[in-house]
Amino acid sequence: MLASDEDILRKVQEWTVAGRGAALATVVETWGSAPRPVGSHLVIDGDGNFLGSVSGGCVEGDVVTEALDVIGTGGRRMLEFGIADETAWRAGLSCGGRIRVYVESLDANQAALLAAFNAERAARNPCVLITHVTSGEQRLVRAADIAADPMADVLEERLRLGKSGMAVWGGEEFFLTIQAPATRLVAIGAVHIAQALAPIAKLVDFDMIIIDPRTAFATPERFPNVELLAEWPDVALPALRLDRYTAMVLLTHDPRIDDQGLSHALRADCFYIGALGSSKTHAKRLERMRAEGFGEKELARIHAPIGLDIGAVSPAEIAIAILGEIVAALRHKSLRATSEKAA
């Protein structure tokens, strides 16, 4: 199985700490039908061992050769491969695309920054590793520090999109390695809609967690390969550290359970909160939340009735409507507002 970029960055850290000379190759730009996306990594040690991929095998041999030279000289190099290049044809890059690969040897300072980056990733803290591709100078900017950074506008936009890539700032080229936590979907209620929602959430790479204290509902047989917490939301949620990369859906129709999840979501910075129920049910829900001290601005964050208005009836259709609305919220596309305006 192809190692993930997270695995690769941990491995290069391990190799560097162990005193093995290492270089990191990163796809920084692509055009056309490139075989691997921007941000893909390949790590190489001084003996030619490597992990990862920058081209699905097309130009790896040439990248490893260049990386070994970079390890020996302690520098950095920008490589470019395209369909017209002799090396690309020899290596098999005949897909018609073109890629730029940045290869850098790792010194002690870069290794320390990489260790800090990996620690932020493990803690689900968003951050950006900025590399000046000419000088090789690097710095790590944590989310809390972005507003005061000279490149704040660029960093905020890239972090919102969650995509690594090249950026030109002040006439200089930088590569931004983005650490945006995986999107989580927390479902309160191990119900039929959650059963339909789990597989399609996986298709869009959401990490799904289902919480329900009713052990007859929350069973591995009903939810295979899904993280399942048979606990009350008040017990399960504090350890999950809800954040701006978390969506929460309330599905039980039982206020004793749903309201616990809703209170936690409203106090956190969840990018999406959705709740099942009619308008009448939601009005009663709002009254209960007001009694808990939540204001109108906070309550306006709740999407209810949950999901896009596509006439969904079955659990599977409702799940599709919910996921569509979550993706719209994640990408900052207000489909509900657009449809209401059109009406």
C-alpha atoms as a PDB file:
ATOM      1  CA  MET A   1       0.000   0.000   0.000  1.00  0.00           C
ATOM      2  CA  LEU A   2       1.244   3.494  -0.846  1.00  0.00           C
ATOM      3  CA  ALA A   3       2.353   5.290   2.309  1.00  0.00           C
ATOM      4  CA  SER A   4       0.389   8.385   3.240  1.00  0.00           C
ATOM      5  CA  ASP A   5       2.088  11.770   3.226  1.00  0.00           C
ATOM      6  CA  GLU A   6       1.638  11.841   7.009  1.00  0.00           C
ATOM      7  CA  ASP A   7       3.545   8.536   7.275  1.00  0.00           C
ATOM      8  CA  ILE A   8       6.285   9.863   5.014  1.00  0.00           C
ATOM      9  CA  LEU A   9       6.827  13.024   7.048  1.00  0.00           C
ATOM     10  CA  ARG A  10       7.040  10.957  10.220  1.00  0.00           C
ATOM     11  CA  LYS A  11       9.530   8.617   8.554  1.00  0.00           C
ATOM     12  CA  VAL A  12      11.849  11.386   7.374  1.00  0.00           C
ATOM     13  CA  GLN A  13      11.807  12.755  10.914  1.00  0.00           C
ATOM     14  CA  GLU A  14      12.769   9.313  12.265  1.00  0.00           C
ATOM     15  CA  TRP A  15      15.572   8.921   9.728  1.00  0.00           C
ATOM     16  CA  THR A  16      16.993  12.345  10.518  1.00  0.00           C
ATOM     17  CA  VAL A  17      16.882  11.767  14.285  1.00  0.00           C
ATOM     18  CA  ALA A  18      18.664   8.440  13.719  1.00  0.00           C
ATOM     19  CA  GLY A  19      21.482  10.277  11.934  1.00  0.00           C
ATOM     20  CA  ARG A  20      20.692   8.965   8.470  1.00  0.00           C
ATOM     21  CA  GLY A  21      21.249  11.533   5.743  1.00  0.00           C
ATOM     22  CA  ALA A  22      17.877  12.210   4.139  1.00  0.00           C
ATOM     23  CA  ALA A  23      16.223  14.288   1.464  1.00  0.00           C
ATOM     24  CA  LEU A  24      12.572  15.127   0.979  1.00  0.00           C
ATOM     25  CA  ALA A  25      11.094  15.432  -2.511  1.00  0.00           C
ATOM     26  CA  THR A  26       7.751  17.212  -2.839  1.00  0.00           C
ATOM     27  CA  VAL A  27       5.451  17.783  -5.806  1.00  0.00           C
ATOM     28  CA  VAL A  28       5.030  21.566  -5.749  1.00  0.00           C
ATOM     29  CA  GLU A  29       3.208  22.179  -9.042  1.00  0.00           C
ATOM     30  CA  THR A  30       1.373  20.121 -11.641  1.00  0.00           C
ATOM     31  CA  TRP A  31      -0.128  20.782 -15.062  1.00  0.00           C
ATOM     32  CA  GLY A  32      -2.406  18.540 -17.096  1.00  0.00           C
ATOM     33  CA  SER A  33      -2.740  14.853 -16.272  1.00  0.00           C
ATOM     34  CA  ALA A  34      -0.083  14.698 -13.585  1.00  0.00           C
ATOM     35  CA  PRO A  35       0.061  11.297 -11.861  1.00  0.00           C
ATOM     36  CA  ARG A  36       0.361  12.594  -8.273  1.00  0.00           C
ATOM     37  CA  PRO A  37      -1.189  15.709  -6.670  1.00  0.00           C
ATOM     38  CA  VAL A  38       0.586  18.740  -5.283  1.00  0.00           C
ATOM     39  CA  GLY A  39       1.925  18.023  -1.817  1.00  0.00           C
ATOM     40  CA  SER A  40       2.844  14.391  -2.526  1.00  0.00           C
ATOM     41  CA  HIS A  41       6.134  13.370  -0.903  1.00  0.00           C
ATOM     42  CA  LEU A  42       9.035  11.010  -1.469  1.00  0.00           C
ATOM     43  CA  VAL A  43      11.698  10.601   1.234  1.00  0.00           C
ATOM     44  CA  ILE A  44      15.135   9.229   0.336  1.00  0.00           C
ATOM     45  CA  ASP A  45      18.062   8.272   2.577  1.00  0.00           C
ATOM     46  CA  GLY A  46      21.782   8.225   1.766  1.00  0.00           C
ATOM     47  CA  ASP A  47      21.658   4.536   0.786  1.00  0.00           C
ATOM     48  CA  GLY A  48      18.953   5.085  -1.809  1.00  0.00           C
ATOM     49  CA  ASN A  49      16.106   3.686   0.287  1.00  0.00           C
ATOM     50  CA  PHE A  50      12.895   5.591  -0.314  1.00  0.00           C
ATOM     51  CA  LEU A  51       9.269   5.759   0.750  1.00  0.00           C
ATOM     52  CA  GLY A  52       6.357   7.445  -0.962  1.00  0.00           C
ATOM     53  CA  SER A  53       5.847   8.666  -4.504  1.00  0.00           C
ATOM     54  CA  VAL A  54       5.914  11.856  -6.546  1.00  0.00           C
ATOM     55  CA  SER A  55       4.789  10.359  -9.850  1.00  0.00           C
ATOM     56  CA  GLY A  56       3.335   6.907  -9.285  1.00  0.00           C
ATOM     57  CA  GLY A  57       6.640   5.403 -10.449  1.00  0.00           C
ATOM     58  CA  CYS A  58       7.164   7.427 -13.610  1.00  0.00           C
ATOM     59  CA  VAL A  59      10.158   9.555 -12.599  1.00  0.00           C
ATOM     60  CA  GLU A  60      11.039   8.181  -9.175  1.00  0.00           C
ATOM     61  CA  GLY A  61      14.397   6.822 -10.389  1.00  0.00           C
ATOM     62  CA  ASP A  62      15.541  10.229 -11.594  1.00  0.00           C
ATOM     63  CA  VAL A  63      14.276  11.933  -8.428  1.00  0.00           C
ATOM     64  CA  VAL A  64      16.154   9.443  -6.232  1.00  0.00           C
ATOM     65  CA  THR A  65      19.362  10.053  -8.227  1.00  0.00           C
ATOM     66  CA  GLU A  66      19.010  13.822  -7.808  1.00  0.00           C
ATOM     67  CA  ALA A  67      18.162  13.387  -4.124  1.00  0.00           C
ATOM     68  CA  LEU A  68      21.313  11.379  -3.462  1.00  0.00           C
ATOM     69  CA  ASP A  69      23.341  14.182  -4.996  1.00  0.00           C
ATOM     70  CA  VAL A  70      21.480  16.741  -2.874  1.00  0.00           C
ATOM     71  CA  ILE A  71      22.166  14.714   0.288  1.00  0.00           C
ATOM     72  CA  GLY A  72      25.862  14.736  -0.584  1.00  0.00           C
ATOM     73  CA  THR A  73      26.012  18.468  -1.232  1.00  0.00           C
ATOM     74  CA  GLY A  74      23.561  19.543   1.444  1.00  0.00           C
ATOM     75  CA  GLY A  75      21.546  21.744  -0.884  1.00  0.00           C
ATOM     76  CA  ARG A  76      18.228  21.829  -2.692  1.00  0.00           C
ATOM     77  CA  ARG A  77      17.040  21.516  -6.256  1.00  0.00           C
ATOM     78  CA  MET A  78      13.923  22.196  -8.328  1.00  0.00           C
ATOM     79  CA  LEU A  79      13.229  19.498 -10.929  1.00  0.00           C
ATOM     80  CA  GLU A  80      10.747  19.586 -13.757  1.00  0.00           C
ATOM     81  CA  PHE A  81       9.413  16.687 -15.793  1.00  0.00           C
ATOM     82  CA  GLY A  82       7.058  16.754 -18.750  1.00  0.00           C
ATOM     83  CA  ILE A  83       5.980  14.698 -21.724  1.00  0.00           C
ATOM     84  CA  ALA A  84       8.566  16.384 -23.935  1.00  0.00           C
ATOM     85  CA  ASP A  85      11.473  15.480 -21.664  1.00  0.00           C
ATOM     86  CA  GLU A  86      13.704  12.588 -22.627  1.00  0.00           C
ATOM     87  CA  THR A  87      13.889  11.456 -18.984  1.00  0.00           C
ATOM     88  CA  ALA A  88      10.113  11.539 -18.715  1.00  0.00           C
ATOM     89  CA  TRP A  89       9.660   9.321 -21.757  1.00  0.00           C
ATOM     90  CA  ARG A  90      12.351   6.969 -20.507  1.00  0.00           C
ATOM     91  CA  ALA A  91      10.731   6.791 -17.092  1.00  0.00           C
ATOM     92  CA  GLY A  92       7.230   6.473 -18.464  1.00  0.00           C
ATOM     93  CA  LEU A  93       5.674   9.921 -17.857  1.00  0.00           C
ATOM     94  CA  SER A  94       3.596   9.696 -21.015  1.00  0.00           C
ATOM     95  CA  CYS A  95       0.322  10.881 -19.448  1.00  0.00           C
ATOM     96  CA  GLY A  96       0.687  14.306 -21.030  1.00  0.00           C
ATOM     97  CA  GLY A  97       1.193  16.112 -17.743  1.00  0.00           C
ATOM     98  CA  ARG A  98       4.039  18.129 -16.296  1.00  0.00           C
ATOM     99  CA  ILE A  99       5.284  18.284 -12.723  1.00  0.00           C
ATOM    100  CA  ARG A 100       7.736  20.308 -10.647  1.00  0.00           C
ATOM    101  CA  VAL A 101       9.435  18.486  -7.793  1.00  0.00           C
ATOM    102  CA  TYR A 102      11.341  20.296  -5.043  1.00  0.00           C
ATOM    103  CA  VAL A 103      14.138  18.226  -3.513  1.00  0.00           C
ATOM    104  CA  GLU A 104      15.791  19.367  -0.276  1.00  0.00           C
ATOM    105  CA  SER A 105      18.311  17.818   2.078  1.00  0.00           C
ATOM    106  CA  LEU A 106      17.365  18.062   5.737  1.00  0.00           C
ATOM    107  CA  ASP A 107      19.645  19.717   8.280  1.00  0.00           C
ATOM    108  CA  ALA A 108      19.095  19.843  12.060  1.00  0.00           C
ATOM    109  CA  ASN A 109      17.027  23.043  11.911  1.00  0.00           C
ATOM    110  CA  GLN A 110      14.713  21.688   9.206  1.00  0.00           C
ATOM    111  CA  ALA A 111      14.378  18.428  11.117  1.00  0.00           C
ATOM    112  CA  ALA A 112      13.294  20.341  14.226  1.00  0.00           C
ATOM    113  CA  LEU A 113      10.678  22.261  12.247  1.00  0.00           C
ATOM    114  CA  LEU A 114       9.434  19.036  10.711  1.00  0.00           C
ATOM    115  CA  ALA A 115       9.143  17.487  14.190  1.00  0.00           C
ATOM    116  CA  ALA A 116       7.107  20.498  15.335  1.00  0.00           C
ATOM    117  CA  PHE A 117       4.925  20.232  12.229  1.00  0.00           C
ATOM    118  CA  ASN A 118       4.304  16.535  12.890  1.00  0.00           C
ATOM    119  CA  ALA A 119       3.424  17.301  16.513  1.00  0.00           C
ATOM    120  CA  GLU A 120       0.860  19.892  15.419  1.00  0.00           C
ATOM    121  CA  ARG A 121      -0.597  17.388  12.964  1.00  0.00           C
ATOM    122  CA  ALA A 122      -0.919  14.727  15.684  1.00  0.00           C
ATOM    123  CA  ALA A 123      -2.741  17.223  17.919  1.00  0.00           C
ATOM    124  CA  ARG A 124      -5.143  18.243  15.096  1.00  0.00           C
ATOM    125  CA  ASN A 125      -3.799  21.804  15.209  1.00  0.00           C
ATOM    126  CA  PRO A 126      -3.857  23.658  11.871  1.00  0.00           C
ATOM    127  CA  CYS A 127      -0.572  25.196  10.783  1.00  0.00           C
ATOM    128  CA  VAL A 128       1.530  26.049   7.724  1.00  0.00           C
ATOM    129  CA  LEU A 129       5.151  25.137   7.008  1.00  0.00           C
ATOM    130  CA  ILE A 130       6.548  27.854   4.711  1.00  0.00           C
ATOM    131  CA  THR A 131       9.544  27.052   2.520  1.00  0.00           C
ATOM    132  CA  HIS A 132      11.390  29.689   0.488  1.00  0.00           C
ATOM    133  CA  VAL A 133      12.266  27.555  -2.522  1.00  0.00           C
ATOM    134  CA  THR A 134      15.346  29.578  -3.487  1.00  0.00           C
ATOM    135  CA  SER A 135      17.093  29.864  -0.129  1.00  0.00           C
ATOM    136  CA  GLY A 136      15.547  26.817   1.518  1.00  0.00           C
ATOM    137  CA  GLU A 137      14.693  28.862   4.622  1.00  0.00           C
ATOM    138  CA  GLN A 138      11.666  27.546   6.489  1.00  0.00           C
ATOM    139  CA  ARG A 139       9.349  28.637   9.254  1.00  0.00           C
ATOM    140  CA  LEU A 140       6.279  27.162  10.919  1.00  0.00           C
ATOM    141  CA  VAL A 141       3.211  29.347  11.413  1.00  0.00           C
ATOM    142  CA  ARG A 142       0.520  28.081  13.758  1.00  0.00           C
ATOM    143  CA  ALA A 143      -3.111  29.047  13.216  1.00  0.00           C
ATOM    144  CA  ALA A 144      -3.157  31.322  16.253  1.00  0.00           C
ATOM    145  CA  ASP A 145      -0.254  33.330  14.804  1.00  0.00           C
ATOM    146  CA  ILE A 146      -1.492  33.699  11.236  1.00  0.00           C
ATOM    147  CA  ALA A 147      -3.320  37.002  11.748  1.00  0.00           C
ATOM    148  CA  ALA A 148      -0.047  38.712  12.741  1.00  0.00           C
ATOM    149  CA  ASP A 149       2.001  37.138   9.945  1.00  0.00           C
ATOM    150  CA  PRO A 150       3.037  39.279   6.931  1.00  0.00           C
ATOM    151  CA  MET A 151       1.589  36.582   4.625  1.00  0.00           C
ATOM    152  CA  ALA A 152      -1.674  36.385   6.599  1.00  0.00           C
ATOM    153  CA  ASP A 153      -4.069  36.726   3.642  1.00  0.00           C
ATOM    154  CA  VAL A 154      -2.348  33.993   1.650  1.00  0.00           C
ATOM    155  CA  LEU A 155      -2.036  31.665   4.640  1.00  0.00           C
ATOM    156  CA  GLU A 156      -5.675  32.070   5.707  1.00  0.00           C
ATOM    157  CA  GLU A 157      -6.922  31.297   2.210  1.00  0.00           C
ATOM    158  CA  ARG A 158      -4.732  28.218   1.790  1.00  0.00           C
ATOM    159  CA  LEU A 159      -5.568  26.919   5.242  1.00  0.00           C
ATOM    160  CA  ARG A 160      -9.282  27.348   4.553  1.00  0.00           C
ATOM    161  CA  LEU A 161      -8.932  25.349   1.340  1.00  0.00           C
ATOM    162  CA  GLY A 162      -6.730  22.787   3.084  1.00  0.00           C
ATOM    163  CA  LYS A 163      -4.438  22.484   0.064  1.00  0.00           C
ATOM    164  CA  SER A 164      -0.655  22.732  -0.096  1.00  0.00           C
ATOM    165  CA  GLY A 165       0.831  24.641  -3.021  1.00  0.00           C
ATOM    166  CA  MET A 166       3.102  27.315  -4.412  1.00  0.00           C
ATOM    167  CA  ALA A 167       2.558  30.973  -3.567  1.00  0.00           C
ATOM    168  CA  VAL A 168       4.238  34.129  -4.787  1.00  0.00           C
ATOM    169  CA  TRP A 169       4.619  36.820  -2.146  1.00  0.00           C
ATOM    170  CA  GLY A 170       6.822  39.892  -2.357  1.00  0.00           C
ATOM    171  CA  GLY A 171       8.106  38.688  -5.721  1.00  0.00           C
ATOM    172  CA  GLU A 172       9.473  35.486  -4.149  1.00  0.00           C
ATOM    173  CA  GLU A 173       8.335  31.872  -4.532  1.00  0.00           C
ATOM    174  CA  PHE A 174       7.257  29.901  -1.483  1.00  0.00           C
ATOM    175  CA  PHE A 175       5.855  26.423  -1.033  1.00  0.00           C
ATOM    176  CA  LEU A 176       3.170  26.177   1.629  1.00  0.00           C
ATOM    177  CA  THR A 177       2.758  22.785   3.277  1.00  0.00           C
ATOM    178  CA  ILE A 178      -0.695  22.934   4.806  1.00  0.00           C
ATOM    179  CA  GLN A 179      -1.690  21.011   7.900  1.00  0.00           C
ATOM    180  CA  ALA A 180      -5.467  21.085   8.104  1.00  0.00           C
ATOM    181  CA  PRO A 181      -6.948  18.347  10.299  1.00  0.00           C
ATOM    182  CA  ALA A 182      -9.054  15.692   8.617  1.00  0.00           C
ATOM    183  CA  THR A 183     -12.707  16.665   8.559  1.00  0.00           C
ATOM    184  CA  ARG A 184     -14.654  14.844  11.260  1.00  0.00           C
ATOM    185  CA  LEU A 185     -18.343  14.059  11.236  1.00  0.00           C
ATOM    186  CA  VAL A 186     -19.787  13.383  14.687  1.00  0.00           C
ATOM    187  CA  ALA A 187     -23.255  11.833  14.611  1.00  0.00           C
ATOM    188  CA  ILE A 188     -25.354  11.806  17.763  1.00  0.00           C
ATOM    189  CA  GLY A 189     -27.593   8.801  17.269  1.00  0.00           C
ATOM    190  CA  ALA A 190     -26.871   5.311  15.940  1.00  0.00           C
ATOM    191  CA  VAL A 191     -30.005   5.347  13.787  1.00  0.00           C
ATOM    192  CA  HIS A 192     -30.874   4.284  10.226  1.00  0.00           C
ATOM    193  CA  ILE A 193     -29.820   7.642   8.774  1.00  0.00           C
ATOM    194  CA  ALA A 194     -26.413   7.270  10.450  1.00  0.00           C
ATOM    195  CA  GLN A 195     -26.090   3.803   8.894  1.00  0.00           C
ATOM    196  CA  ALA A 196     -26.619   5.345   5.449  1.00  0.00           C
ATOM    197  CA  LEU A 197     -24.419   8.333   6.234  1.00  0.00           C
ATOM    198  CA  ALA A 198     -21.362   6.343   7.348  1.00  0.00           C
ATOM    199  CA  PRO A 199     -20.334   4.841   3.973  1.00  0.00           C
ATOM    200  CA  ILE A 200     -20.845   8.033   1.971  1.00  0.00           C
ATOM    201  CA  ALA A 201     -18.959  10.068   4.584  1.00  0.00           C
ATOM    202  CA  LYS A 202     -16.067   7.675   4.090  1.00  0.00           C
ATOM    203  CA  LEU A 203     -16.196   8.263   0.326  1.00  0.00           C
ATOM    204  CA  VAL A 204     -15.407  11.955   0.858  1.00  0.00           C
ATOM    205  CA  ASP A 205     -12.666  11.139   3.409  1.00  0.00           C
ATOM    206  CA  PHE A 206     -14.516  12.301   6.506  1.00  0.00           C
ATOM    207  CA  ASP A 207     -13.588  10.639   9.791  1.00  0.00           C
ATOM    208  CA  MET A 208     -16.942   9.604  11.248  1.00  0.00           C
ATOM    209  CA  ILE A 209     -17.706   9.035  14.921  1.00  0.00           C
ATOM    210  CA  ILE A 210     -21.112   7.854  16.141  1.00  0.00           C
ATOM    211  CA  ILE A 211     -22.237   8.487  19.717  1.00  0.00           C
ATOM    212  CA  ASP A 212     -25.286   6.876  21.290  1.00  0.00           C
ATOM    213  CA  PRO A 213     -25.749   5.664  24.878  1.00  0.00           C
ATOM    214  CA  ARG A 214     -28.394   3.154  23.760  1.00  0.00           C
ATOM    215  CA  THR A 215     -26.363  -0.035  23.497  1.00  0.00           C
ATOM    216  CA  ALA A 216     -29.066  -1.774  21.490  1.00  0.00           C
ATOM    217  CA  PHE A 217     -28.491   0.809  18.733  1.00  0.00           C
ATOM    218  CA  ALA A 218     -24.740   1.358  19.057  1.00  0.00           C
ATOM    219  CA  THR A 219     -23.452  -2.051  17.992  1.00  0.00           C
ATOM    220  CA  PRO A 220     -20.520  -3.017  15.737  1.00  0.00           C
ATOM    221  CA  GLU A 221     -22.884  -5.233  13.732  1.00  0.00           C
ATOM    222  CA  ARG A 222     -24.942  -2.208  12.719  1.00  0.00           C
ATOM    223  CA  PHE A 223     -21.874   0.015  12.183  1.00  0.00           C
ATOM    224  CA  PRO A 224     -18.920  -2.013  10.925  1.00  0.00           C
ATOM    225  CA  ASN A 225     -15.630  -0.129  10.470  1.00  0.00           C
ATOM    226  CA  VAL A 226     -16.979   3.011  12.153  1.00  0.00           C
ATOM    227  CA  GLU A 227     -15.751   4.525  15.419  1.00  0.00           C
ATOM    228  CA  LEU A 228     -18.630   3.907  17.804  1.00  0.00           C
ATOM    229  CA  LEU A 229     -18.974   5.342  21.324  1.00  0.00           C
ATOM    230  CA  ALA A 230     -21.811   3.805  23.363  1.00  0.00           C
ATOM    231  CA  GLU A 231     -21.836   6.695  25.827  1.00  0.00           C
ATOM    232  CA  TRP A 232     -23.824   9.799  26.610  1.00  0.00           C
ATOM    233  CA  PRO A 233     -22.586  12.806  24.630  1.00  0.00           C
ATOM    234  CA  ASP A 234     -21.627  14.611  27.848  1.00  0.00           C
ATOM    235  CA  VAL A 235     -19.230  11.752  28.578  1.00  0.00           C
ATOM    236  CA  ALA A 236     -17.884  11.118  25.058  1.00  0.00           C
ATOM    237  CA  LEU A 237     -17.500  14.608  23.614  1.00  0.00           C
ATOM    238  CA  PRO A 238     -14.971  16.340  25.922  1.00  0.00           C
ATOM    239  CA  ALA A 239     -12.198  13.931  24.917  1.00  0.00           C
ATOM    240  CA  LEU A 240     -12.881  14.517  21.202  1.00  0.00           C
ATOM    241  CA  ARG A 241     -11.946  18.216  21.387  1.00  0.00           C
ATOM    242  CA  LEU A 242     -14.505  19.537  18.910  1.00  0.00           C
ATOM    243  CA  ASP A 243     -12.970  22.116  16.563  1.00  0.00           C
ATOM    244  CA  ARG A 244     -13.526  24.098  13.377  1.00  0.00           C
ATOM    245  CA  TYR A 245     -12.903  20.960  11.294  1.00  0.00           C
ATOM    246  CA  THR A 246     -15.772  19.081  12.969  1.00  0.00           C
ATOM    247  CA  ALA A 247     -19.362  18.759  11.778  1.00  0.00           C
ATOM    248  CA  MET A 248     -22.062  17.512  14.132  1.00  0.00           C
ATOM    249  CA  VAL A 249     -25.429  16.012  13.238  1.00  0.00           C
ATOM    250  CA  LEU A 250     -28.167  15.318  15.786  1.00  0.00           C
ATOM    251  CA  LEU A 251     -30.264  12.351  14.727  1.00  0.00           C
ATOM    252  CA  THR A 252     -31.963  10.652  17.691  1.00  0.00           C
ATOM    253  CA  HIS A 253     -35.166  12.740  17.978  1.00  0.00           C
ATOM    254  CA  ASP A 254     -34.596  12.379  21.736  1.00  0.00           C
ATOM    255  CA  PRO A 255     -33.878  15.746  23.423  1.00  0.00           C
ATOM    256  CA  ARG A 256     -32.213  13.997  26.359  1.00  0.00           C
ATOM    257  CA  ILE A 257     -29.484  12.793  23.996  1.00  0.00           C
ATOM    258  CA  ASP A 258     -29.458  15.351  21.189  1.00  0.00           C
ATOM    259  CA  ASP A 259     -29.421  18.388  23.474  1.00  0.00           C
ATOM    260  CA  GLN A 260     -26.217  17.234  25.135  1.00  0.00           C
ATOM    261  CA  GLY A 261     -24.467  17.045  21.768  1.00  0.00           C
ATOM    262  CA  LEU A 262     -25.949  20.352  20.659  1.00  0.00           C
ATOM    263  CA  SER A 263     -24.712  22.188  23.744  1.00  0.00           C
ATOM    264  CA  HIS A 264     -21.165  20.949  23.168  1.00  0.00           C
ATOM    265  CA  ALA A 265     -21.285  21.842  19.453  1.00  0.00           C
ATOM    266  CA  LEU A 266     -22.560  25.363  20.116  1.00  0.00           C
ATOM    267  CA  ARG A 267     -19.788  25.989  22.636  1.00  0.00           C
ATOM    268  CA  ALA A 268     -17.169  24.736  20.178  1.00  0.00           C
ATOM    269  CA  ASP A 269     -16.222  26.109  16.775  1.00  0.00           C
ATOM    270  CA  CYS A 270     -17.853  23.333  14.717  1.00  0.00           C
ATOM    271  CA  PHE A 271     -18.195  24.429  11.088  1.00  0.00           C
ATOM    272  CA  TYR A 272     -21.559  22.685  10.759  1.00  0.00           C
ATOM    273  CA  ILE A 273     -24.355  21.769  13.185  1.00  0.00           C
ATOM    274  CA  GLY A 274     -27.484  20.076  11.861  1.00  0.00           C
ATOM    275  CA  ALA A 275     -30.533  18.672  13.643  1.00  0.00           C
ATOM    276  CA  LEU A 276     -33.384  16.417  12.552  1.00  0.00           C
ATOM    277  CA  GLY A 277     -36.950  17.453  13.201  1.00  0.00           C
ATOM    278  CA  SER A 278     -39.779  19.613  11.953  1.00  0.00           C
ATOM    279  CA  SER A 279     -39.932  23.366  12.320  1.00  0.00           C
ATOM    280  CA  LYS A 280     -42.171  22.899  15.363  1.00  0.00           C
ATOM    281  CA  THR A 281     -39.662  20.485  16.919  1.00  0.00           C
ATOM    282  CA  HIS A 282     -36.834  22.896  16.207  1.00  0.00           C
ATOM    283  CA  ALA A 283     -38.712  25.793  17.814  1.00  0.00           C
ATOM    284  CA  LYS A 284     -38.964  23.787  21.044  1.00  0.00           C
ATOM    285  CA  ARG A 285     -35.268  22.924  20.725  1.00  0.00           C
ATOM    286  CA  LEU A 286     -34.373  26.594  20.460  1.00  0.00           C
ATOM    287  CA  GLU A 287     -36.360  27.394  23.585  1.00  0.00           C
ATOM    288  CA  ARG A 288     -34.445  24.739  25.525  1.00  0.00           C
ATOM    289  CA  MET A 289     -31.128  26.129  24.271  1.00  0.00           C
ATOM    290  CA  ARG A 290     -32.131  29.678  25.204  1.00  0.00           C
ATOM    291  CA  ALA A 291     -32.872  28.406  28.698  1.00  0.00           C
ATOM    292  CA  GLU A 292     -29.270  27.124  28.778  1.00  0.00           C
ATOM    293  CA  GLY A 293     -28.026  30.624  28.026  1.00  0.00           C
ATOM    294  CA  PHE A 294     -27.340  30.479  24.293  1.00  0.00           C
ATOM    295  CA  GLY A 295     -28.023  33.637  22.277  1.00  0.00           C
ATOM    296  CA  GLU A 296     -29.650  34.119  18.904  1.00  0.00           C
ATOM    297  CA  LYS A 297     -26.342  34.399  17.046  1.00  0.00           C
ATOM    298  CA  GLU A 298     -25.251  31.028  18.373  1.00  0.00           C
ATOM    299  CA  LEU A 299     -28.614  29.398  17.666  1.00  0.00           C
ATOM    300  CA  ALA A 300     -28.561  30.685  14.083  1.00  0.00           C
ATOM    301  CA  ARG A 301     -25.661  28.299  13.429  1.00  0.00           C
ATOM    302  CA  ILE A 302     -28.009  25.303  13.635  1.00  0.00           C
ATOM    303  CA  HIS A 303     -29.153  23.891  10.284  1.00  0.00           C
ATOM    304  CA  ALA A 304     -32.710  22.731  10.852  1.00  0.00           C
ATOM    305  CA  PRO A 305     -34.532  21.006   9.356  1.00  0.00           C
ATOM    306  CA  ILE A 306     -31.258  19.269   8.562  1.00  0.00           C
ATOM    307  CA  GLY A 307     -29.949  18.808   5.012  1.00  0.00           C
ATOM    308  CA  LEU A 308     -30.486  20.332   1.597  1.00  0.00           C
ATOM    309  CA  ASP A 309     -34.083  20.604   0.488  1.00  0.00           C
ATOM    310  CA  ILE A 310     -34.056  17.910  -2.225  1.00  0.00           C
ATOM    311  CA  GLY A 311     -37.298  16.202  -1.235  1.00  0.00           C
ATOM    312  CA  ALA A 312     -35.453  13.387   0.538  1.00  0.00           C
ATOM    313  CA  VAL A 313     -37.640  10.666   2.055  1.00  0.00           C
ATOM    314  CA  SER A 314     -35.660   7.476   2.708  1.00  0.00           C
ATOM    315  CA  PRO A 315     -32.757   7.292   5.195  1.00  0.00           C
ATOM    316  CA  ALA A 316     -30.310   7.062   2.290  1.00  0.00           C
ATOM    317  CA  GLU A 317     -31.781  10.137   0.578  1.00  0.00           C
ATOM    318  CA  ILE A 318     -31.746  12.088   3.838  1.00  0.00           C
ATOM    319  CA  ALA A 319     -28.111  11.075   4.366  1.00  0.00           C
ATOM    320  CA  ILE A 320     -27.236  12.422   0.909  1.00  0.00           C
ATOM    321  CA  ALA A 321     -29.038  15.688   1.669  1.00  0.00           C
ATOM    322  CA  ILE A 322     -27.162  15.999   4.971  1.00  0.00           C
ATOM    323  CA  LEU A 323     -23.761  15.311   3.471  1.00  0.00           C
ATOM    324  CA  GLY A 324     -24.420  17.770   0.638  1.00  0.00           C
ATOM    325  CA  GLU A 325     -25.178  20.508   3.142  1.00  0.00           C
ATOM    326  CA  ILE A 326     -22.084  19.649   5.184  1.00  0.00           C
ATOM    327  CA  VAL A 327     -19.842  19.856   2.109  1.00  0.00           C
ATOM    328  CA  ALA A 328     -21.426  23.189   1.194  1.00  0.00           C
ATOM    329  CA  ALA A 329     -20.665  24.516   4.681  1.00  0.00           C
ATOM    330  CA  LEU A 330     -17.117  23.177   4.520  1.00  0.00           C
ATOM    331  CA  ARG A 331     -16.491  24.884   1.192  1.00  0.00           C
ATOM    332  CA  HIS A 332     -18.280  28.074   2.298  1.00  0.00           C
ATOM    333  CA  LYS A 333     -20.991  27.689  -0.336  1.00  0.00           C
ATOM    334  CA  SER A 334     -24.363  28.756   1.045  1.00  0.00           C
ATOM    335  CA  LEU A 335     -26.750  26.727  -1.101  1.00  0.00           C
ATOM    336  CA  ARG A 336     -29.628  27.204   1.304  1.00  0.00           C
ATOM    337  CA  ALA A 337     -29.297  30.996   1.122  1.00  0.00           C
ATOM    338  CA  THR A 338     -29.018  30.844  -2.666  1.00  0.00           C
ATOM    339  CA  SER A 339     -32.185  28.782  -3.045  1.00  0.00           C
ATOM    340  CA  GLU A 340     -34.124  31.001  -0.637  1.00  0.00           C
ATOM    341  CA  LYS A 341     -33.031  34.078  -2.572  1.00  0.00           C
ATOM    342  CA  ALA A 342     -34.118  32.488  -5.855  1.00  0.00           C
ATOM    343  CA  ALA A 343     -37.514  31.647  -4.381  1.00  0.00           C
END
